[in-house]
Amino acid sequence: MRCALIEAEKASYPIAWMCDQLGVARSSFYAWRAAADTVTATAARRQVLAQLVKVVFDDSHGTYGCRRVAAELNRRGHPASVGLVADLMRELGLVACQPRSYKTTTVAGDRPVASPDLIEREFTAPAPGQRLVGSGSRREFHPPAPTEPCVIVSHYTAPAILVTRSCGTNASERTSTGILRRFP
C-alpha cells in the first residue's frame, strides 16, 4: 500500500524522501516495483482454475455450487479445494441456482367432508356452558350489552372454543381476550 503510494507520487516528490517519510526501505520499494509486473505461480494457477470453474459452472447450466464444482474439478484432474473454488466463484460473480422440487403437503379428498352445523348458527344459550363449539379460525372478543349472553373465542391457533355465558355489568366479571374462562 505504501509502495503503491510512492509509485503514484514519484513524479511529484523524490523517491528517497517519500521512503524516508513513510518508513519504507528504498530497497523494499524497488523490489516491490520489480515484482509488481510479474505473475506468480499461485496467480497463474488461480487464473487457470478460474477458467475451469467457469467451464464447469456453464456445463451444469448454473446449478452447481462450490462443492460440486470442486468435486468435478478434482474428478477431471485439477485439484482444488472447496474454499478456493468458492473464492473464485465469488470473484467471477457465479451464483448457483438450484431448482427446488415441489412438495404437495395437502391432498384434497374425492368429495367434500360433511360438517353439519349442529347449533345452526345460534350462538346464544339459555344458560352458561350449554353450547360449546370448536373453530380453527382466530376471532376477536366483541363485548355484548351487559344483559345479553356473549361468546368468548380463544386467541390460540389451536382449535378455539366458543363458550357462552352471561356477562356481568362490571369489568371484573368480563373475560379478557386470549383467556378462556367459564362463569357460573
C-alpha atoms as a PDB file:
ATOM      1  CA  MET A   1       0.000   0.000   0.000  1.00  0.00           C
ATOM      2  CA  ARG A   2       2.756   2.447   0.914  1.00  0.00           C
ATOM      3  CA  CYS A   3       4.844   1.299  -2.054  1.00  0.00           C
ATOM      4  CA  ALA A   4       1.903   1.916  -4.370  1.00  0.00           C
ATOM      5  CA  LEU A   5       1.585   5.449  -2.972  1.00  0.00           C
ATOM      6  CA  ILE A   6       5.278   6.098  -3.588  1.00  0.00           C
ATOM      7  CA  GLU A   7       4.906   4.792  -7.152  1.00  0.00           C
ATOM      8  CA  ALA A   8       1.897   7.041  -7.764  1.00  0.00           C
ATOM      9  CA  GLU A   9       3.606  10.181  -6.385  1.00  0.00           C
ATOM     10  CA  LYS A  10       7.147   9.655  -7.750  1.00  0.00           C
ATOM     11  CA  ALA A  11       6.675  12.453 -10.308  1.00  0.00           C
ATOM     12  CA  SER A  12       5.841  14.999  -7.561  1.00  0.00           C
ATOM     13  CA  TYR A  13       8.329  14.058  -4.834  1.00  0.00           C
ATOM     14  CA  PRO A  14      11.735  12.349  -4.679  1.00  0.00           C
ATOM     15  CA  ILE A  15      11.514   8.602  -4.028  1.00  0.00           C
ATOM     16  CA  ALA A  16      14.179   8.711  -1.297  1.00  0.00           C
ATOM     17  CA  TRP A  17      12.306  11.428   0.604  1.00  0.00           C
ATOM     18  CA  MET A  18       8.934   9.576   0.381  1.00  0.00           C
ATOM     19  CA  CYS A  19      10.539   6.313   1.511  1.00  0.00           C
ATOM     20  CA  ASP A  20      12.031   8.159   4.469  1.00  0.00           C
ATOM     21  CA  GLN A  21       8.710   9.804   5.404  1.00  0.00           C
ATOM     22  CA  LEU A  22       6.665   6.592   5.054  1.00  0.00           C
ATOM     23  CA  GLY A  23       9.206   4.343   6.798  1.00  0.00           C
ATOM     24  CA  VAL A  24       9.876   2.143   3.767  1.00  0.00           C
ATOM     25  CA  ALA A  25      13.370   1.000   2.871  1.00  0.00           C
ATOM     26  CA  ARG A  26      14.290   2.096  -0.661  1.00  0.00           C
ATOM     27  CA  SER A  27      15.442  -1.427  -1.459  1.00  0.00           C
ATOM     28  CA  SER A  28      11.992  -2.734  -0.446  1.00  0.00           C
ATOM     29  CA  PHE A  29      10.305  -0.212  -2.726  1.00  0.00           C
ATOM     30  CA  TYR A  30      12.493  -1.152  -5.710  1.00  0.00           C
ATOM     31  CA  ALA A  31      11.973  -4.876  -5.004  1.00  0.00           C
ATOM     32  CA  TRP A  32       8.202  -4.298  -4.888  1.00  0.00           C
ATOM     33  CA  ARG A  33       8.311  -2.369  -8.168  1.00  0.00           C
ATOM     34  CA  ALA A  34      10.303  -5.136  -9.885  1.00  0.00           C
ATOM     35  CA  ALA A  35       7.885  -7.830  -8.674  1.00  0.00           C
ATOM     36  CA  ALA A  36       4.726  -5.846  -9.404  1.00  0.00           C
ATOM     37  CA  ASP A  37       4.623  -6.816 -13.074  1.00  0.00           C
ATOM     38  CA  THR A  38       5.481 -10.495 -12.636  1.00  0.00           C
ATOM     39  CA  VAL A  39       2.858 -13.203 -12.311  1.00  0.00           C
ATOM     40  CA  THR A  40       3.479 -15.688  -9.529  1.00  0.00           C
ATOM     41  CA  ALA A  41       2.855 -19.414  -9.879  1.00  0.00           C
ATOM     42  CA  THR A  42      -0.110 -19.126  -7.490  1.00  0.00           C
ATOM     43  CA  ALA A  43      -1.673 -16.302  -9.503  1.00  0.00           C
ATOM     44  CA  ALA A  44      -1.184 -18.254 -12.740  1.00  0.00           C
ATOM     45  CA  ARG A  45      -2.804 -21.360 -11.193  1.00  0.00           C
ATOM     46  CA  ARG A  46      -5.754 -19.256  -9.969  1.00  0.00           C
ATOM     47  CA  GLN A  47      -6.254 -17.850 -13.476  1.00  0.00           C
ATOM     48  CA  VAL A  48      -6.325 -21.353 -14.985  1.00  0.00           C
ATOM     49  CA  LEU A  49      -8.677 -22.621 -12.265  1.00  0.00           C
ATOM     50  CA  ALA A  50     -10.950 -19.612 -12.751  1.00  0.00           C
ATOM     51  CA  GLN A  51     -11.393 -20.529 -16.400  1.00  0.00           C
ATOM     52  CA  LEU A  52     -12.056 -24.171 -15.497  1.00  0.00           C
ATOM     53  CA  VAL A  53     -14.571 -23.160 -12.818  1.00  0.00           C
ATOM     54  CA  LYS A  54     -16.423 -21.082 -15.419  1.00  0.00           C
ATOM     55  CA  VAL A  55     -16.484 -24.051 -17.821  1.00  0.00           C
ATOM     56  CA  VAL A  56     -17.793 -26.495 -15.184  1.00  0.00           C
ATOM     57  CA  PHE A  57     -20.374 -23.957 -13.989  1.00  0.00           C
ATOM     58  CA  ASP A  58     -21.618 -23.397 -17.534  1.00  0.00           C
ATOM     59  CA  ASP A  59     -21.732 -27.162 -18.205  1.00  0.00           C
ATOM     60  CA  SER A  60     -24.042 -27.552 -15.214  1.00  0.00           C
ATOM     61  CA  HIS A  61     -26.351 -24.809 -16.549  1.00  0.00           C
ATOM     62  CA  GLY A  62     -25.617 -22.697 -13.483  1.00  0.00           C
ATOM     63  CA  THR A  63     -26.852 -25.228 -10.937  1.00  0.00           C
ATOM     64  CA  TYR A  64     -23.565 -26.419  -9.382  1.00  0.00           C
ATOM     65  CA  GLY A  65     -22.380 -24.733  -6.201  1.00  0.00           C
ATOM     66  CA  CYS A  66     -18.788 -24.537  -4.986  1.00  0.00           C
ATOM     67  CA  ARG A  67     -18.800 -28.093  -3.569  1.00  0.00           C
ATOM     68  CA  ARG A  68     -19.987 -29.743  -6.772  1.00  0.00           C
ATOM     69  CA  VAL A  69     -17.685 -27.603  -8.928  1.00  0.00           C
ATOM     70  CA  ALA A  70     -14.714 -28.541  -6.705  1.00  0.00           C
ATOM     71  CA  ALA A  71     -15.658 -32.227  -6.909  1.00  0.00           C
ATOM     72  CA  GLU A  72     -15.922 -32.030 -10.703  1.00  0.00           C
ATOM     73  CA  LEU A  73     -12.555 -30.266 -11.000  1.00  0.00           C
ATOM     74  CA  ASN A  74     -10.926 -32.932  -8.818  1.00  0.00           C
ATOM     75  CA  ARG A  75     -12.587 -35.624 -10.941  1.00  0.00           C
ATOM     76  CA  ARG A  76     -11.139 -34.018 -14.081  1.00  0.00           C
ATOM     77  CA  GLY A  77      -7.638 -33.990 -12.585  1.00  0.00           C
ATOM     78  CA  HIS A  78      -7.380 -30.363 -11.457  1.00  0.00           C
ATOM     79  CA  PRO A  79      -7.017 -30.431  -7.662  1.00  0.00           C
ATOM     80  CA  ALA A  80      -8.846 -27.566  -5.960  1.00  0.00           C
ATOM     81  CA  SER A  81     -10.307 -27.095  -2.505  1.00  0.00           C
ATOM     82  CA  VAL A  82     -13.883 -26.038  -1.871  1.00  0.00           C
ATOM     83  CA  GLY A  83     -12.717 -22.771  -0.316  1.00  0.00           C
ATOM     84  CA  LEU A  84     -10.592 -21.877  -3.345  1.00  0.00           C
ATOM     85  CA  VAL A  85     -13.466 -22.659  -5.704  1.00  0.00           C
ATOM     86  CA  ALA A  86     -15.827 -20.582  -3.531  1.00  0.00           C
ATOM     87  CA  ASP A  87     -13.402 -17.631  -3.713  1.00  0.00           C
ATOM     88  CA  LEU A  88     -13.059 -17.965  -7.480  1.00  0.00           C
ATOM     89  CA  MET A  89     -16.823 -18.217  -7.959  1.00  0.00           C
ATOM     90  CA  ARG A  90     -17.294 -15.112  -5.810  1.00  0.00           C
ATOM     91  CA  GLU A  91     -14.682 -13.206  -7.869  1.00  0.00           C
ATOM     92  CA  LEU A  92     -16.358 -14.292 -11.100  1.00  0.00           C
ATOM     93  CA  GLY A  93     -19.837 -13.469  -9.790  1.00  0.00           C
ATOM     94  CA  LEU A  94     -21.115 -17.030 -10.243  1.00  0.00           C
ATOM     95  CA  VAL A  95     -24.060 -17.940  -8.017  1.00  0.00           C
ATOM     96  CA  ALA A  96     -25.708 -21.334  -8.298  1.00  0.00           C
ATOM     97  CA  CYS A  97     -29.453 -21.523  -8.815  1.00  0.00           C
ATOM     98  CA  GLN A  98     -30.658 -24.892  -7.619  1.00  0.00           C
ATOM     99  CA  PRO A  99     -34.268 -25.618  -8.529  1.00  0.00           C
ATOM    100  CA  ARG A 100     -36.299 -26.997  -5.661  1.00  0.00           C
ATOM    101  CA  SER A 101     -38.782 -29.791  -6.113  1.00  0.00           C
ATOM    102  CA  TYR A 102     -42.409 -29.005  -5.389  1.00  0.00           C
ATOM    103  CA  LYS A 103     -43.813 -30.971  -2.487  1.00  0.00           C
ATOM    104  CA  THR A 104     -47.564 -31.297  -2.084  1.00  0.00           C
ATOM    105  CA  THR A 105     -48.449 -31.066   1.583  1.00  0.00           C
ATOM    106  CA  THR A 106     -52.256 -31.217   1.467  1.00  0.00           C
ATOM    107  CA  VAL A 107     -54.184 -33.553  -0.786  1.00  0.00           C
ATOM    108  CA  ALA A 108     -57.869 -32.846  -1.252  1.00  0.00           C
ATOM    109  CA  GLY A 109     -60.240 -35.777  -0.973  1.00  0.00           C
ATOM    110  CA  ASP A 110     -62.560 -37.042  -3.695  1.00  0.00           C
ATOM    111  CA  ARG A 111     -65.590 -35.360  -2.154  1.00  0.00           C
ATOM    112  CA  PRO A 112     -66.018 -32.684   0.481  1.00  0.00           C
ATOM    113  CA  VAL A 113     -66.285 -33.719   4.094  1.00  0.00           C
ATOM    114  CA  ALA A 114     -69.740 -33.139   5.513  1.00  0.00           C
ATOM    115  CA  SER A 115     -69.528 -30.917   8.572  1.00  0.00           C
ATOM    116  CA  PRO A 116     -73.031 -30.433   9.944  1.00  0.00           C
ATOM    117  CA  ASP A 117     -73.907 -27.207  11.712  1.00  0.00           C
ATOM    118  CA  LEU A 118     -75.187 -28.733  14.940  1.00  0.00           C
ATOM    119  CA  ILE A 119     -76.015 -25.446  16.624  1.00  0.00           C
ATOM    120  CA  GLU A 120     -77.477 -23.941  13.418  1.00  0.00           C
ATOM    121  CA  ARG A 121     -75.520 -20.655  13.746  1.00  0.00           C
ATOM    122  CA  GLU A 122     -77.289 -19.874  17.019  1.00  0.00           C
ATOM    123  CA  PHE A 123     -74.582 -18.766  19.466  1.00  0.00           C
ATOM    124  CA  THR A 124     -76.815 -17.636  22.303  1.00  0.00           C
ATOM    125  CA  ALA A 125     -77.724 -20.039  25.063  1.00  0.00           C
ATOM    126  CA  PRO A 126     -80.335 -20.000  27.820  1.00  0.00           C
ATOM    127  CA  ALA A 127     -77.664 -20.717  30.453  1.00  0.00           C
ATOM    128  CA  PRO A 128     -73.853 -20.519  30.625  1.00  0.00           C
ATOM    129  CA  GLY A 129     -71.788 -23.510  29.440  1.00  0.00           C
ATOM    130  CA  GLN A 130     -74.516 -25.145  27.331  1.00  0.00           C
ATOM    131  CA  ARG A 131     -73.182 -24.523  23.821  1.00  0.00           C
ATOM    132  CA  LEU A 132     -69.519 -25.422  23.192  1.00  0.00           C
ATOM    133  CA  VAL A 133     -68.167 -25.340  19.641  1.00  0.00           C
ATOM    134  CA  GLY A 134     -64.696 -25.576  18.091  1.00  0.00           C
ATOM    135  CA  SER A 135     -63.183 -23.456  15.361  1.00  0.00           C
ATOM    136  CA  GLY A 136     -59.785 -23.290  13.668  1.00  0.00           C
ATOM    137  CA  SER A 137     -60.138 -19.597  12.927  1.00  0.00           C
ATOM    138  CA  ARG A 138     -58.968 -16.743  15.098  1.00  0.00           C
ATOM    139  CA  ARG A 139     -61.687 -14.347  16.188  1.00  0.00           C
ATOM    140  CA  GLU A 140     -61.740 -11.254  18.315  1.00  0.00           C
ATOM    141  CA  PHE A 141     -63.701 -10.705  21.506  1.00  0.00           C
ATOM    142  CA  HIS A 142     -66.741  -8.493  20.990  1.00  0.00           C
ATOM    143  CA  PRO A 143     -68.238  -7.368  24.292  1.00  0.00           C
ATOM    144  CA  PRO A 144     -72.041  -7.555  24.247  1.00  0.00           C
ATOM    145  CA  ALA A 145     -74.524  -5.490  26.151  1.00  0.00           C
ATOM    146  CA  PRO A 146     -74.397  -6.253  29.896  1.00  0.00           C
ATOM    147  CA  THR A 147     -77.703  -8.164  29.873  1.00  0.00           C
ATOM    148  CA  GLU A 148     -77.089 -10.351  26.777  1.00  0.00           C
ATOM    149  CA  PRO A 149     -75.201 -13.657  26.695  1.00  0.00           C
ATOM    150  CA  CYS A 150     -71.825 -13.354  24.962  1.00  0.00           C
ATOM    151  CA  VAL A 151     -69.378 -15.564  23.070  1.00  0.00           C
ATOM    152  CA  ILE A 152     -65.734 -15.864  24.108  1.00  0.00           C
ATOM    153  CA  VAL A 153     -63.259 -17.010  21.483  1.00  0.00           C
ATOM    154  CA  SER A 154     -59.750 -18.144  22.349  1.00  0.00           C
ATOM    155  CA  HIS A 155     -56.847 -16.367  20.603  1.00  0.00           C
ATOM    156  CA  TYR A 156     -54.800 -19.541  20.385  1.00  0.00           C
ATOM    157  CA  THR A 157     -54.059 -21.083  16.998  1.00  0.00           C
ATOM    158  CA  ALA A 158     -55.226 -24.477  18.236  1.00  0.00           C
ATOM    159  CA  PRO A 159     -58.954 -25.133  17.748  1.00  0.00           C
ATOM    160  CA  ALA A 160     -60.720 -22.342  19.552  1.00  0.00           C
ATOM    161  CA  ILE A 161     -63.537 -22.992  21.966  1.00  0.00           C
ATOM    162  CA  LEU A 162     -66.615 -20.782  21.993  1.00  0.00           C
ATOM    163  CA  VAL A 163     -68.194 -20.508  25.423  1.00  0.00           C
ATOM    164  CA  THR A 164     -71.473 -18.816  26.040  1.00  0.00           C
ATOM    165  CA  ARG A 165     -72.076 -17.114  29.343  1.00  0.00           C
ATOM    166  CA  SER A 166     -73.948 -14.235  30.814  1.00  0.00           C
ATOM    167  CA  CYS A 167     -71.756 -11.189  31.131  1.00  0.00           C
ATOM    168  CA  GLY A 168     -71.940  -9.208  34.309  1.00  0.00           C
ATOM    169  CA  THR A 169     -72.330  -5.488  34.440  1.00  0.00           C
ATOM    170  CA  ASN A 170     -68.896  -4.613  35.832  1.00  0.00           C
ATOM    171  CA  ALA A 171     -65.493  -5.105  34.180  1.00  0.00           C
ATOM    172  CA  SER A 172     -64.234  -7.693  36.669  1.00  0.00           C
ATOM    173  CA  GLU A 173     -66.896 -10.174  35.518  1.00  0.00           C
ATOM    174  CA  ARG A 174     -65.861  -9.955  31.819  1.00  0.00           C
ATOM    175  CA  THR A 175     -63.024 -12.014  30.337  1.00  0.00           C
ATOM    176  CA  SER A 176     -60.015 -10.648  28.507  1.00  0.00           C
ATOM    177  CA  THR A 177     -59.103 -11.841  25.004  1.00  0.00           C
ATOM    178  CA  GLY A 178     -56.947 -14.947  24.787  1.00  0.00           C
ATOM    179  CA  ILE A 179     -58.029 -16.355  28.145  1.00  0.00           C
ATOM    180  CA  LEU A 180     -60.827 -18.889  28.283  1.00  0.00           C
ATOM    181  CA  ARG A 181     -62.942 -18.931  31.419  1.00  0.00           C
ATOM    182  CA  ARG A 182     -66.293 -20.243  32.454  1.00  0.00           C
ATOM    183  CA  PHE A 183     -68.567 -18.300  34.733  1.00  0.00           C
ATOM    184  CA  PRO A 184     -71.308 -19.918  36.837  1.00  0.00           C
END
